[in-house]
Amino acid sequence: MNASPRSALVLLLASLAAASPAAAADSIPIVLEEQLGCAWQSDLVHRPVTVPAGMKLTPGRLALLLDDKEIPFQLDAIVTNQDGLLQGADVWFRCDLPSNATRRLELRTGSPTKPSPAPLTRSQ
């Protein structure tokens, strides 16, 4: 079977993309779609994630990206394996979502995170 030059180019580009470091990066996409026709401002969003087998994410070394910028997030209900690698968690974050829009976020390996010190207050 003869492949046209165009088909061969498409196959070559697809194989290069699959072998590129960006395609091999350990990341989990999170997609938000607004379907009610309402705009949401800085709304608290919760998404459960399950880490696919073979992906190596560590709970204390994650970043959540929106438009290639890190945004604050929190993990809850964290499940790890014996090596401390993430198997699943609930991801909480704030996000704007315009009417009928789609937002694509990415949970991936990032810099080590440290909890920020919270001031303690005492009420009487």
PDB file of N, CA and C in Angstrom:
ATOM      1  N   MET A   1       0.845  -1.175   0.000  1.00  0.00           N
ATOM      2  CA  MET A   1       0.000   0.000   0.000  1.00  0.00           C
ATOM      3  C   MET A   1       0.890   1.237   0.000  1.00  0.00           C
ATOM      4  N   ASN A   2       0.628   2.178  -0.896  1.00  0.00           N
ATOM      5  CA  ASN A   2       1.387   3.417  -0.986  1.00  0.00           C
ATOM      6  C   ASN A   2       0.706   4.493  -0.177  1.00  0.00           C
ATOM      7  N   ALA A   3       1.479   5.149   0.683  1.00  0.00           N
ATOM      8  CA  ALA A   3       0.943   6.267   1.459  1.00  0.00           C
ATOM      9  C   ALA A   3       1.306   7.555   0.743  1.00  0.00           C
ATOM     10  N   SER A   4       0.394   8.466   0.723  1.00  0.00           N
ATOM     11  CA  SER A   4       0.671   9.758   0.102  1.00  0.00           C
ATOM     12  C   SER A   4       1.705  10.502   0.950  1.00  0.00           C
ATOM     13  N   PRO A   5       2.445  11.446   0.346  1.00  0.00           N
ATOM     14  CA  PRO A   5       3.407  12.223   1.140  1.00  0.00           C
ATOM     15  C   PRO A   5       2.749  12.944   2.302  1.00  0.00           C
ATOM     16  N   ARG A   6       1.532  13.412   2.109  1.00  0.00           N
ATOM     17  CA  ARG A   6       0.830  14.116   3.184  1.00  0.00           C
ATOM     18  C   ARG A   6       0.529  13.172   4.353  1.00  0.00           C
ATOM     19  N   SER A   7       0.063  11.960   4.034  1.00  0.00           N
ATOM     20  CA  SER A   7      -0.220  10.968   5.087  1.00  0.00           C
ATOM     21  C   SER A   7       1.050  10.607   5.843  1.00  0.00           C
ATOM     22  N   ALA A   8       2.159  10.460   5.117  1.00  0.00           N
ATOM     23  CA  ALA A   8       3.426  10.124   5.758  1.00  0.00           C
ATOM     24  C   ALA A   8       3.868  11.246   6.686  1.00  0.00           C
ATOM     25  N   LEU A   9       3.672  12.499   6.269  1.00  0.00           N
ATOM     26  CA  LEU A   9       4.043  13.640   7.104  1.00  0.00           C
ATOM     27  C   LEU A   9       3.198  13.676   8.382  1.00  0.00           C
ATOM     28  N   VAL A  10       1.898  13.420   8.250  1.00  0.00           N
ATOM     29  CA  VAL A  10       1.017  13.403   9.417  1.00  0.00           C
ATOM     30  C   VAL A  10       1.452  12.313  10.388  1.00  0.00           C
ATOM     31  N   LEU A  11       1.771  11.125   9.873  1.00  0.00           N
ATOM     32  CA  LEU A  11       2.220  10.027  10.736  1.00  0.00           C
ATOM     33  C   LEU A  11       3.548  10.373  11.404  1.00  0.00           C
ATOM     34  N   LEU A  12       4.468  11.000  10.677  1.00  0.00           N
ATOM     35  CA  LEU A  12       5.746  11.386  11.255  1.00  0.00           C
ATOM     36  C   LEU A  12       5.556  12.409  12.371  1.00  0.00           C
ATOM     37  N   LEU A  13       4.738  13.426  12.135  1.00  0.00           N
ATOM     38  CA  LEU A  13       4.496  14.445  13.156  1.00  0.00           C
ATOM     39  C   LEU A  13       3.811  13.845  14.380  1.00  0.00           C
ATOM     40  N   ALA A  14       2.869  12.932  14.163  1.00  0.00           N
ATOM     41  CA  ALA A  14       2.183  12.285  15.288  1.00  0.00           C
ATOM     42  C   ALA A  14       3.159  11.455  16.112  1.00  0.00           C
ATOM     43  N   SER A  15       4.075  10.743  15.458  1.00  0.00           N
ATOM     44  CA  SER A  15       5.034   9.933  16.208  1.00  0.00           C
ATOM     45  C   SER A  15       6.029  10.809  16.953  1.00  0.00           C
ATOM     46  N   LEU A  16       6.438  11.946  16.363  1.00  0.00           N
ATOM     47  CA  LEU A  16       7.328  12.866  17.064  1.00  0.00           C
ATOM     48  C   LEU A  16       6.652  13.471  18.281  1.00  0.00           C
ATOM     49  N   ALA A  17       5.379  13.821  18.154  1.00  0.00           N
ATOM     50  CA  ALA A  17       4.647  14.394  19.285  1.00  0.00           C
ATOM     51  C   ALA A  17       4.518  13.379  20.404  1.00  0.00           C
ATOM     52  N   ALA A  18       4.291  12.125  20.063  1.00  0.00           N
ATOM     53  CA  ALA A  18       4.148  11.089  21.088  1.00  0.00           C
ATOM     54  C   ALA A  18       5.466  10.844  21.805  1.00  0.00           C
ATOM     55  N   ALA A  19       6.593  11.065  21.124  1.00  0.00           N
ATOM     56  CA  ALA A  19       7.892  10.819  21.735  1.00  0.00           C
ATOM     57  C   ALA A  19       8.479  12.052  22.408  1.00  0.00           C
ATOM     58  N   SER A  20       7.810  13.189  22.294  1.00  0.00           N
ATOM     59  CA  SER A  20       8.364  14.423  22.846  1.00  0.00           C
ATOM     60  C   SER A  20       8.266  14.426  24.364  1.00  0.00           C
ATOM     61  N   PRO A  21       9.161  15.147  25.064  1.00  0.00           N
ATOM     62  CA  PRO A  21       9.119  15.202  26.522  1.00  0.00           C
ATOM     63  C   PRO A  21       7.809  15.760  27.039  1.00  0.00           C
ATOM     64  N   ALA A  22       7.220  16.725  26.345  1.00  0.00           N
ATOM     65  CA  ALA A  22       5.966  17.316  26.817  1.00  0.00           C
ATOM     66  C   ALA A  22       4.859  16.280  26.828  1.00  0.00           C
ATOM     67  N   ALA A  23       4.844  15.401  25.831  1.00  0.00           N
ATOM     68  CA  ALA A  23       3.806  14.378  25.772  1.00  0.00           C
ATOM     69  C   ALA A  23       4.041  13.308  26.829  1.00  0.00           C
ATOM     70  N   ALA A  24       5.303  13.119  27.231  1.00  0.00           N
ATOM     71  CA  ALA A  24       5.621  12.075  28.198  1.00  0.00           C
ATOM     72  C   ALA A  24       5.511  12.570  29.636  1.00  0.00           C
ATOM     73  N   ALA A  25       5.309  13.852  29.833  1.00  0.00           N
ATOM     74  CA  ALA A  25       5.249  14.411  31.186  1.00  0.00           C
ATOM     75  C   ALA A  25       4.095  13.798  31.963  1.00  0.00           C
ATOM     76  N   ASP A  26       4.325  13.594  33.263  1.00  0.00           N
ATOM     77  CA  ASP A  26       3.278  13.068  34.122  1.00  0.00           C
ATOM     78  C   ASP A  26       2.337  14.201  34.498  1.00  0.00           C
ATOM     79  N   SER A  27       1.159  14.201  33.907  1.00  0.00           N
ATOM     80  CA  SER A  27       0.176  15.231  34.230  1.00  0.00           C
ATOM     81  C   SER A  27      -1.227  14.675  34.037  1.00  0.00           C
ATOM     82  N   ILE A  28      -2.156  15.279  34.759  1.00  0.00           N
ATOM     83  CA  ILE A  28      -3.563  14.886  34.683  1.00  0.00           C
ATOM     84  C   ILE A  28      -4.362  16.103  34.243  1.00  0.00           C
ATOM     85  N   PRO A  29      -5.078  15.993  33.124  1.00  0.00           N
ATOM     86  CA  PRO A  29      -5.906  17.125  32.694  1.00  0.00           C
ATOM     87  C   PRO A  29      -7.177  17.223  33.530  1.00  0.00           C
ATOM     88  N   ILE A  30      -7.577  18.449  33.813  1.00  0.00           N
ATOM     89  CA  ILE A  30      -8.853  18.723  34.468  1.00  0.00           C
ATOM     90  C   ILE A  30      -9.583  19.705  33.570  1.00  0.00           C
ATOM     91  N   VAL A  31     -10.740  19.311  33.066  1.00  0.00           N
ATOM     92  CA  VAL A  31     -11.489  20.146  32.126  1.00  0.00           C
ATOM     93  C   VAL A  31     -12.800  20.579  32.779  1.00  0.00           C
ATOM     94  N   LEU A  32     -13.053  21.884  32.765  1.00  0.00           N
ATOM     95  CA  LEU A  32     -14.298  22.448  33.279  1.00  0.00           C
ATOM     96  C   LEU A  32     -15.092  22.995  32.102  1.00  0.00           C
ATOM     97  N   GLU A  33     -16.366  22.628  32.007  1.00  0.00           N
ATOM     98  CA  GLU A  33     -17.241  23.134  30.951  1.00  0.00           C
ATOM     99  C   GLU A  33     -18.476  23.752  31.577  1.00  0.00           C
ATOM    100  N   GLU A  34     -18.757  24.995  31.233  1.00  0.00           N
ATOM    101  CA  GLU A  34     -19.946  25.681  31.731  1.00  0.00           C
ATOM    102  C   GLU A  34     -21.053  25.477  30.708  1.00  0.00           C
ATOM    103  N   GLN A  35     -22.144  24.815  31.109  1.00  0.00           N
ATOM    104  CA  GLN A  35     -23.225  24.473  30.185  1.00  0.00           C
ATOM    105  C   GLN A  35     -24.564  25.070  30.585  1.00  0.00           C
ATOM    106  N   LEU A  36     -24.590  25.867  31.648  1.00  0.00           N
ATOM    107  CA  LEU A  36     -25.853  26.442  32.110  1.00  0.00           C
ATOM    108  C   LEU A  36     -26.079  27.857  31.613  1.00  0.00           C
ATOM    109  N   GLY A  37     -25.066  28.449  30.983  1.00  0.00           N
ATOM    110  CA  GLY A  37     -25.193  29.825  30.511  1.00  0.00           C
ATOM    111  C   GLY A  37     -24.988  30.855  31.602  1.00  0.00           C
ATOM    112  N   CYS A  38     -24.307  30.485  32.680  1.00  0.00           N
ATOM    113  CA  CYS A  38     -24.030  31.398  33.804  1.00  0.00           C
ATOM    114  C   CYS A  38     -22.524  31.646  33.888  1.00  0.00           C
ATOM    115  N   ALA A  39     -22.152  32.840  34.291  1.00  0.00           N
ATOM    116  CA  ALA A  39     -20.740  33.137  34.535  1.00  0.00           C
ATOM    117  C   ALA A  39     -20.453  32.901  36.017  1.00  0.00           C
ATOM    118  N   TRP A  40     -19.365  32.241  36.311  1.00  0.00           N
ATOM    119  CA  TRP A  40     -18.979  31.908  37.676  1.00  0.00           C
ATOM    120  C   TRP A  40     -17.700  32.667  37.998  1.00  0.00           C
ATOM    121  N   GLN A  41     -17.693  33.400  39.099  1.00  0.00           N
ATOM    122  CA  GLN A  41     -16.555  34.222  39.504  1.00  0.00           C
ATOM    123  C   GLN A  41     -15.860  33.608  40.711  1.00  0.00           C
ATOM    124  N   SER A  42     -14.604  33.276  40.551  1.00  0.00           N
ATOM    125  CA  SER A  42     -13.782  32.750  41.639  1.00  0.00           C
ATOM    126  C   SER A  42     -14.526  31.694  42.459  1.00  0.00           C
ATOM    127  N   ASP A  43     -15.158  30.794  41.756  1.00  0.00           N
ATOM    128  CA  ASP A  43     -15.951  29.758  42.406  1.00  0.00           C
ATOM    129  C   ASP A  43     -15.045  28.640  42.913  1.00  0.00           C
ATOM    130  N   LEU A  44     -15.400  28.070  44.060  1.00  0.00           N
ATOM    131  CA  LEU A  44     -14.654  26.948  44.616  1.00  0.00           C
ATOM    132  C   LEU A  44     -15.035  25.690  43.832  1.00  0.00           C
ATOM    133  N   VAL A  45     -14.021  25.040  43.279  1.00  0.00           N
ATOM    134  CA  VAL A  45     -14.235  23.869  42.424  1.00  0.00           C
ATOM    135  C   VAL A  45     -13.577  22.661  43.071  1.00  0.00           C
ATOM    136  N   HIS A  46     -14.233  21.525  42.949  1.00  0.00           N
ATOM    137  CA  HIS A  46     -13.747  20.258  43.501  1.00  0.00           C
ATOM    138  C   HIS A  46     -13.754  19.234  42.375  1.00  0.00           C
ATOM    139  N   ARG A  47     -12.621  18.580  42.174  1.00  0.00           N
ATOM    140  CA  ARG A  47     -12.536  17.522  41.178  1.00  0.00           C
ATOM    141  C   ARG A  47     -11.787  16.338  41.765  1.00  0.00           C
ATOM    142  N   PRO A  48     -12.406  15.163  41.794  1.00  0.00           N
ATOM    143  CA  PRO A  48     -11.656  13.969  42.180  1.00  0.00           C
ATOM    144  C   PRO A  48     -10.771  13.538  41.003  1.00  0.00           C
ATOM    145  N   VAL A  49      -9.546  13.125  41.291  1.00  0.00           N
ATOM    146  CA  VAL A  49      -8.649  12.631  40.246  1.00  0.00           C
ATOM    147  C   VAL A  49      -8.135  11.258  40.636  1.00  0.00           C
ATOM    148  N   THR A  50      -7.946  10.427  39.634  1.00  0.00           N
ATOM    149  CA  THR A  50      -7.328   9.123  39.798  1.00  0.00           C
ATOM    150  C   THR A  50      -6.086   9.120  38.922  1.00  0.00           C
ATOM    151  N   VAL A  51      -4.966   8.736  39.495  1.00  0.00           N
ATOM    152  CA  VAL A  51      -3.710   8.731  38.761  1.00  0.00           C
ATOM    153  C   VAL A  51      -3.605   7.418  37.990  1.00  0.00           C
ATOM    154  N   PRO A  52      -3.409   7.495  36.669  1.00  0.00           N
ATOM    155  CA  PRO A  52      -3.267   6.271  35.876  1.00  0.00           C
ATOM    156  C   PRO A  52      -2.047   5.455  36.311  1.00  0.00           C
ATOM    157  N   ALA A  53      -2.137   4.147  36.154  1.00  0.00           N
ATOM    158  CA  ALA A  53      -1.023   3.263  36.495  1.00  0.00           C
ATOM    159  C   ALA A  53       0.221   3.683  35.712  1.00  0.00           C
ATOM    160  N   GLY A  54       1.347   3.694  36.388  1.00  0.00           N
ATOM    161  CA  GLY A  54       2.607   4.050  35.750  1.00  0.00           C
ATOM    162  C   GLY A  54       2.965   5.518  35.851  1.00  0.00           C
ATOM    163  N   MET A  55       1.988   6.362  36.170  1.00  0.00           N
ATOM    164  CA  MET A  55       2.259   7.793  36.322  1.00  0.00           C
ATOM    165  C   MET A  55       2.836   8.021  37.712  1.00  0.00           C
ATOM    166  N   LYS A  56       3.855   8.851  37.789  1.00  0.00           N
ATOM    167  CA  LYS A  56       4.547   9.071  39.059  1.00  0.00           C
ATOM    168  C   LYS A  56       4.372  10.512  39.510  1.00  0.00           C
ATOM    169  N   LEU A  57       3.388  10.720  40.383  1.00  0.00           N
ATOM    170  CA  LEU A  57       3.139  12.025  40.985  1.00  0.00           C
ATOM    171  C   LEU A  57       3.256  11.883  42.492  1.00  0.00           C
ATOM    172  N   THR A  58       3.918  12.844  43.129  1.00  0.00           N
ATOM    173  CA  THR A  58       4.095  12.841  44.575  1.00  0.00           C
ATOM    174  C   THR A  58       3.259  13.958  45.168  1.00  0.00           C
ATOM    175  N   PRO A  59       2.443  13.680  46.202  1.00  0.00           N
ATOM    176  CA  PRO A  59       1.544  14.699  46.749  1.00  0.00           C
ATOM    177  C   PRO A  59       2.207  16.022  47.109  1.00  0.00           C
ATOM    178  N   GLY A  60       3.411  16.026  47.655  1.00  0.00           N
ATOM    179  CA  GLY A  60       4.057  17.266  48.063  1.00  0.00           C
ATOM    180  C   GLY A  60       4.821  17.979  46.963  1.00  0.00           C
ATOM    181  N   ARG A  61       4.764  17.456  45.746  1.00  0.00           N
ATOM    182  CA  ARG A  61       5.504  18.047  44.620  1.00  0.00           C
ATOM    183  C   ARG A  61       4.587  18.225  43.413  1.00  0.00           C
ATOM    184  N   LEU A  62       3.468  18.891  43.618  1.00  0.00           N
ATOM    185  CA  LEU A  62       2.501  19.072  42.534  1.00  0.00           C
ATOM    186  C   LEU A  62       2.259  20.541  42.260  1.00  0.00           C
ATOM    187  N   ALA A  63       1.823  20.822  41.055  1.00  0.00           N
ATOM    188  CA  ALA A  63       1.407  22.166  40.657  1.00  0.00           C
ATOM    189  C   ALA A  63       0.117  22.021  39.853  1.00  0.00           C
ATOM    190  N   LEU A  64      -0.769  22.991  40.007  1.00  0.00           N
ATOM    191  CA  LEU A  64      -1.992  23.050  39.203  1.00  0.00           C
ATOM    192  C   LEU A  64      -1.855  24.254  38.294  1.00  0.00           C
ATOM    193  N   LEU A  65      -1.923  24.020  36.994  1.00  0.00           N
ATOM    194  CA  LEU A  65      -1.728  25.086  36.026  1.00  0.00           C
ATOM    195  C   LEU A  65      -3.014  25.419  35.288  1.00  0.00           C
ATOM    196  N   LEU A  66      -3.247  26.704  35.113  1.00  0.00           N
ATOM    197  CA  LEU A  66      -4.341  27.241  34.300  1.00  0.00           C
ATOM    198  C   LEU A  66      -3.701  28.256  33.373  1.00  0.00           C
ATOM    199  N   ASP A  67      -3.827  28.060  32.080  1.00  0.00           N
ATOM    200  CA  ASP A  67      -3.185  28.937  31.094  1.00  0.00           C
ATOM    201  C   ASP A  67      -1.685  29.042  31.363  1.00  0.00           C
ATOM    202  N   ASP A  68      -1.051  27.906  31.653  1.00  0.00           N
ATOM    203  CA  ASP A  68       0.390  27.802  31.920  1.00  0.00           C
ATOM    204  C   ASP A  68       0.862  28.603  33.129  1.00  0.00           C
ATOM    205  N   LYS A  69      -0.051  28.963  34.024  1.00  0.00           N
ATOM    206  CA  LYS A  69       0.307  29.667  35.261  1.00  0.00           C
ATOM    207  C   LYS A  69      -0.161  28.833  36.445  1.00  0.00           C
ATOM    208  N   GLU A  70       0.703  28.734  37.467  1.00  0.00           N
ATOM    209  CA  GLU A  70       0.322  27.990  38.668  1.00  0.00           C
ATOM    210  C   GLU A  70      -0.752  28.750  39.423  1.00  0.00           C
ATOM    211  N   ILE A  71      -1.745  28.003  39.893  1.00  0.00           N
ATOM    212  CA  ILE A  71      -2.791  28.585  40.729  1.00  0.00           C
ATOM    213  C   ILE A  71      -2.829  27.814  42.053  1.00  0.00           C
ATOM    214  N   PRO A  72      -3.290  28.461  43.132  1.00  0.00           N
ATOM    215  CA  PRO A  72      -3.368  27.766  44.427  1.00  0.00           C
ATOM    216  C   PRO A  72      -4.386  26.622  44.373  1.00  0.00           C
ATOM    217  N   PHE A  73      -4.065  25.554  45.061  1.00  0.00           N
ATOM    218  CA  PHE A  73      -4.966  24.403  45.141  1.00  0.00           C
ATOM    219  C   PHE A  73      -4.706  23.660  46.431  1.00  0.00           C
ATOM    220  N   GLN A  74      -5.606  22.752  46.744  1.00  0.00           N
ATOM    221  CA  GLN A  74      -5.460  21.921  47.939  1.00  0.00           C
ATOM    222  C   GLN A  74      -5.894  20.508  47.588  1.00  0.00           C
ATOM    223  N   LEU A  75      -5.181  19.529  48.143  1.00  0.00           N
ATOM    224  CA  LEU A  75      -5.565  18.125  47.984  1.00  0.00           C
ATOM    225  C   LEU A  75      -6.253  17.645  49.248  1.00  0.00           C
ATOM    226  N   ASP A  76      -7.229  16.785  49.061  1.00  0.00           N
ATOM    227  CA  ASP A  76      -7.967  16.206  50.169  1.00  0.00           C
ATOM    228  C   ASP A  76      -8.203  14.742  49.820  1.00  0.00           C
ATOM    229  N   ALA A  77      -8.480  13.914  50.804  1.00  0.00           N
ATOM    230  CA  ALA A  77      -8.747  12.486  50.587  1.00  0.00           C
ATOM    231  C   ALA A  77      -7.632  11.856  49.753  1.00  0.00           C
ATOM    232  N   ILE A  78      -6.393  12.111  50.146  1.00  0.00           N
ATOM    233  CA  ILE A  78      -5.226  11.642  49.406  1.00  0.00           C
ATOM    234  C   ILE A  78      -5.031  10.144  49.615  1.00  0.00           C
ATOM    235  N   VAL A  79      -4.821   9.428  48.514  1.00  0.00           N
ATOM    236  CA  VAL A  79      -4.514   8.000  48.556  1.00  0.00           C
ATOM    237  C   VAL A  79      -3.167   7.813  47.871  1.00  0.00           C
ATOM    238  N   THR A  80      -2.224   7.187  48.593  1.00  0.00           N
ATOM    239  CA  THR A  80      -0.903   6.924  48.020  1.00  0.00           C
ATOM    240  C   THR A  80      -0.621   5.427  48.057  1.00  0.00           C
ATOM    241  N   ASN A  81       0.365   5.012  47.262  1.00  0.00           N
ATOM    242  CA  ASN A  81       0.797   3.617  47.330  1.00  0.00           C
ATOM    243  C   ASN A  81       1.932   3.492  48.351  1.00  0.00           C
ATOM    244  N   GLN A  82       2.538   2.323  48.450  1.00  0.00           N
ATOM    245  CA  GLN A  82       3.590   2.089  49.446  1.00  0.00           C
ATOM    246  C   GLN A  82       4.821   2.962  49.223  1.00  0.00           C
ATOM    247  N   ASP A  83       5.050   3.406  47.986  1.00  0.00           N
ATOM    248  CA  ASP A  83       6.195   4.257  47.668  1.00  0.00           C
ATOM    249  C   ASP A  83       5.907   5.738  47.898  1.00  0.00           C
ATOM    250  N   GLY A  84       4.702   6.065  48.341  1.00  0.00           N
ATOM    251  CA  GLY A  84       4.334   7.459  48.572  1.00  0.00           C
ATOM    252  C   GLY A  84       3.848   8.182  47.325  1.00  0.00           C
ATOM    253  N   LEU A  85       3.708   7.456  46.215  1.00  0.00           N
ATOM    254  CA  LEU A  85       3.208   8.061  44.983  1.00  0.00           C
ATOM    255  C   LEU A  85       1.691   8.180  45.032  1.00  0.00           C
ATOM    256  N   LEU A  86       1.198   9.240  44.459  1.00  0.00           N
ATOM    257  CA  LEU A  86      -0.227   9.526  44.476  1.00  0.00           C
ATOM    258  C   LEU A  86      -1.003   8.530  43.624  1.00  0.00           C
ATOM    259  N   GLN A  87      -2.075   7.980  44.178  1.00  0.00           N
ATOM    260  CA  GLN A  87      -2.992   7.127  43.421  1.00  0.00           C
ATOM    261  C   GLN A  87      -4.289   7.865  43.122  1.00  0.00           C
ATOM    262  N   GLY A  88      -4.684   8.751  44.019  1.00  0.00           N
ATOM    263  CA  GLY A  88      -5.907   9.520  43.811  1.00  0.00           C
ATOM    264  C   GLY A  88      -6.061  10.564  44.894  1.00  0.00           C
ATOM    265  N   ALA A  89      -6.882  11.565  44.616  1.00  0.00           N
ATOM    266  CA  ALA A  89      -7.125  12.637  45.582  1.00  0.00           C
ATOM    267  C   ALA A  89      -8.278  13.492  45.085  1.00  0.00           C
ATOM    268  N   ASP A  90      -8.794  14.315  45.989  1.00  0.00           N
ATOM    269  CA  ASP A  90      -9.749  15.355  45.615  1.00  0.00           C
ATOM    270  C   ASP A  90      -8.960  16.646  45.491  1.00  0.00           C
ATOM    271  N   VAL A  91      -9.106  17.334  44.376  1.00  0.00           N
ATOM    272  CA  VAL A  91      -8.403  18.594  44.123  1.00  0.00           C
ATOM    273  C   VAL A  91      -9.397  19.735  44.297  1.00  0.00           C
ATOM    274  N   TRP A  92      -9.047  20.714  45.130  1.00  0.00           N
ATOM    275  CA  TRP A  92      -9.884  21.884  45.389  1.00  0.00           C
ATOM    276  C   TRP A  92      -9.140  23.129  44.920  1.00  0.00           C
ATOM    277  N   PHE A  93      -9.839  24.014  44.214  1.00  0.00           N
ATOM    278  CA  PHE A  93      -9.230  25.256  43.744  1.00  0.00           C
ATOM    279  C   PHE A  93     -10.332  26.254  43.393  1.00  0.00           C
ATOM    280  N   ARG A  94      -9.949  27.509  43.220  1.00  0.00           N
ATOM    281  CA  ARG A  94     -10.887  28.554  42.794  1.00  0.00           C
ATOM    282  C   ARG A  94     -10.621  28.871  41.333  1.00  0.00           C
ATOM    283  N   CYS A  95     -11.714  29.099  40.591  1.00  0.00           N
ATOM    284  CA  CYS A  95     -11.564  29.352  39.164  1.00  0.00           C
ATOM    285  C   CYS A  95     -12.747  30.170  38.651  1.00  0.00           C
ATOM    286  N   ASP A  96     -12.473  31.119  37.742  1.00  0.00           N
ATOM    287  CA  ASP A  96     -13.529  31.814  37.017  1.00  0.00           C
ATOM    288  C   ASP A  96     -13.922  30.941  35.837  1.00  0.00           C
ATOM    289  N   LEU A  97     -15.191  30.954  35.511  1.00  0.00           N
ATOM    290  CA  LEU A  97     -15.666  30.199  34.354  1.00  0.00           C
ATOM    291  C   LEU A  97     -16.757  31.009  33.667  1.00  0.00           C
ATOM    292  N   PRO A  98     -16.406  31.677  32.563  1.00  0.00           N
ATOM    293  CA  PRO A  98     -17.400  32.469  31.846  1.00  0.00           C
ATOM    294  C   PRO A  98     -18.530  31.592  31.293  1.00  0.00           C
ATOM    295  N   SER A  99     -19.638  32.215  30.996  1.00  0.00           N
ATOM    296  CA  SER A  99     -20.802  31.532  30.433  1.00  0.00           C
ATOM    297  C   SER A  99     -20.417  30.752  29.173  1.00  0.00           C
ATOM    298  N   ASN A 100     -20.812  29.485  29.127  1.00  0.00           N
ATOM    299  CA  ASN A 100     -20.591  28.595  27.977  1.00  0.00           C
ATOM    300  C   ASN A 100     -19.115  28.434  27.608  1.00  0.00           C
ATOM    301  N   ALA A 101     -18.237  28.578  28.560  1.00  0.00           N
ATOM    302  CA  ALA A 101     -16.793  28.479  28.296  1.00  0.00           C
ATOM    303  C   ALA A 101     -16.241  27.136  28.771  1.00  0.00           C
ATOM    304  N   THR A 102     -15.029  26.867  28.360  1.00  0.00           N
ATOM    305  CA  THR A 102     -14.296  25.685  28.784  1.00  0.00           C
ATOM    306  C   THR A 102     -12.950  26.131  29.332  1.00  0.00           C
ATOM    307  N   ARG A 103     -12.551  25.568  30.465  1.00  0.00           N
ATOM    308  CA  ARG A 103     -11.236  25.833  31.046  1.00  0.00           C
ATOM    309  C   ARG A 103     -10.499  24.502  31.128  1.00  0.00           C
ATOM    310  N   ARG A 104      -9.246  24.532  30.733  1.00  0.00           N
ATOM    311  CA  ARG A 104      -8.402  23.348  30.806  1.00  0.00           C
ATOM    312  C   ARG A 104      -7.271  23.607  31.793  1.00  0.00           C
ATOM    313  N   LEU A 105      -7.214  22.761  32.812  1.00  0.00           N
ATOM    314  CA  LEU A 105      -6.171  22.849  33.819  1.00  0.00           C
ATOM    315  C   LEU A 105      -5.334  21.585  33.744  1.00  0.00           C
ATOM    316  N   GLU A 106      -4.175  21.634  34.400  1.00  0.00           N
ATOM    317  CA  GLU A 106      -3.272  20.497  34.377  1.00  0.00           C
ATOM    318  C   GLU A 106      -2.651  20.326  35.759  1.00  0.00           C
ATOM    319  N   LEU A 107      -2.820  19.146  36.337  1.00  0.00           N
ATOM    320  CA  LEU A 107      -2.177  18.789  37.598  1.00  0.00           C
ATOM    321  C   LEU A 107      -0.928  18.006  37.240  1.00  0.00           C
ATOM    322  N   ARG A 108       0.244  18.538  37.631  1.00  0.00           N
ATOM    323  CA  ARG A 108       1.487  17.883  37.242  1.00  0.00           C
ATOM    324  C   ARG A 108       2.566  18.105  38.298  1.00  0.00           C
ATOM    325  N   THR A 109       3.691  17.463  38.075  1.00  0.00           N
ATOM    326  CA  THR A 109       4.820  17.611  38.980  1.00  0.00           C
ATOM    327  C   THR A 109       5.282  19.060  38.991  1.00  0.00           C
ATOM    328  N   GLY A 110       5.541  19.575  40.183  1.00  0.00           N
ATOM    329  CA  GLY A 110       6.005  20.949  40.339  1.00  0.00           C
ATOM    330  C   GLY A 110       7.077  21.013  41.401  1.00  0.00           C
ATOM    331  N   SER A 111       7.316  22.177  41.925  1.00  0.00           N
ATOM    332  CA  SER A 111       8.305  22.384  42.985  1.00  0.00           C
ATOM    333  C   SER A 111       7.771  21.819  44.296  1.00  0.00           C
ATOM    334  N   PRO A 112       8.674  21.434  45.195  1.00  0.00           N
ATOM    335  CA  PRO A 112       8.205  20.981  46.515  1.00  0.00           C
ATOM    336  C   PRO A 112       7.390  22.074  47.186  1.00  0.00           C
ATOM    337  N   THR A 113       6.306  21.681  47.782  1.00  0.00           N
ATOM    338  CA  THR A 113       5.434  22.655  48.435  1.00  0.00           C
ATOM    339  C   THR A 113       5.564  22.546  49.940  1.00  0.00           C
ATOM    340  N   LYS A 114       5.439  23.682  50.592  1.00  0.00           N
ATOM    341  CA  LYS A 114       5.439  23.725  52.052  1.00  0.00           C
ATOM    342  C   LYS A 114       4.135  24.393  52.469  1.00  0.00           C
ATOM    343  N   PRO A 115       3.491  23.875  53.476  1.00  0.00           N
ATOM    344  CA  PRO A 115       2.282  24.554  53.947  1.00  0.00           C
ATOM    345  C   PRO A 115       2.625  25.956  54.430  1.00  0.00           C
ATOM    346  N   SER A 116       1.806  26.918  54.069  1.00  0.00           N
ATOM    347  CA  SER A 116       2.054  28.277  54.556  1.00  0.00           C
ATOM    348  C   SER A 116       1.593  28.373  55.999  1.00  0.00           C
ATOM    349  N   PRO A 117       2.372  29.069  56.825  1.00  0.00           N
ATOM    350  CA  PRO A 117       1.970  29.168  58.235  1.00  0.00           C
ATOM    351  C   PRO A 117       0.692  29.974  58.363  1.00  0.00           C
ATOM    352  N   ALA A 118      -0.238  29.417  59.058  1.00  0.00           N
ATOM    353  CA  ALA A 118      -1.515  30.109  59.290  1.00  0.00           C
ATOM    354  C   ALA A 118      -1.464  30.738  60.672  1.00  0.00           C
ATOM    355  N   PRO A 119      -1.854  31.995  60.774  1.00  0.00           N
ATOM    356  CA  PRO A 119      -1.856  32.613  62.097  1.00  0.00           C
ATOM    357  C   PRO A 119      -2.924  31.953  62.970  1.00  0.00           C
ATOM    358  N   LEU A 120      -2.564  31.719  64.187  1.00  0.00           N
ATOM    359  CA  LEU A 120      -3.513  31.134  65.132  1.00  0.00           C
ATOM    360  C   LEU A 120      -4.187  32.259  65.919  1.00  0.00           C
ATOM    361  N   THR A 121      -5.464  32.140  66.044  1.00  0.00           N
ATOM    362  CA  THR A 121      -6.198  33.124  66.838  1.00  0.00           C
ATOM    363  C   THR A 121      -6.962  32.383  67.927  1.00  0.00           C
ATOM    364  N   ARG A 122      -7.136  33.053  69.006  1.00  0.00           N
ATOM    365  CA  ARG A 122      -7.859  32.445  70.122  1.00  0.00           C
ATOM    366  C   ARG A 122      -9.094  33.293  70.399  1.00  0.00           C
ATOM    367  N   SER A 123     -10.210  32.623  70.401  1.00  0.00           N
ATOM    368  CA  SER A 123     -11.441  33.358  70.702  1.00  0.00           C
ATOM    369  C   SER A 123     -11.892  33.011  72.116  1.00  0.00           C
ATOM    370  N   GLN A 124     -12.453  33.977  72.757  1.00  0.00           N
ATOM    371  CA  GLN A 124     -12.896  33.807  74.159  1.00  0.00           C
ATOM    372  C   GLN A 124     -14.339  33.380  74.205  1.00  0.00           C
TER     373      GLN A 124
END
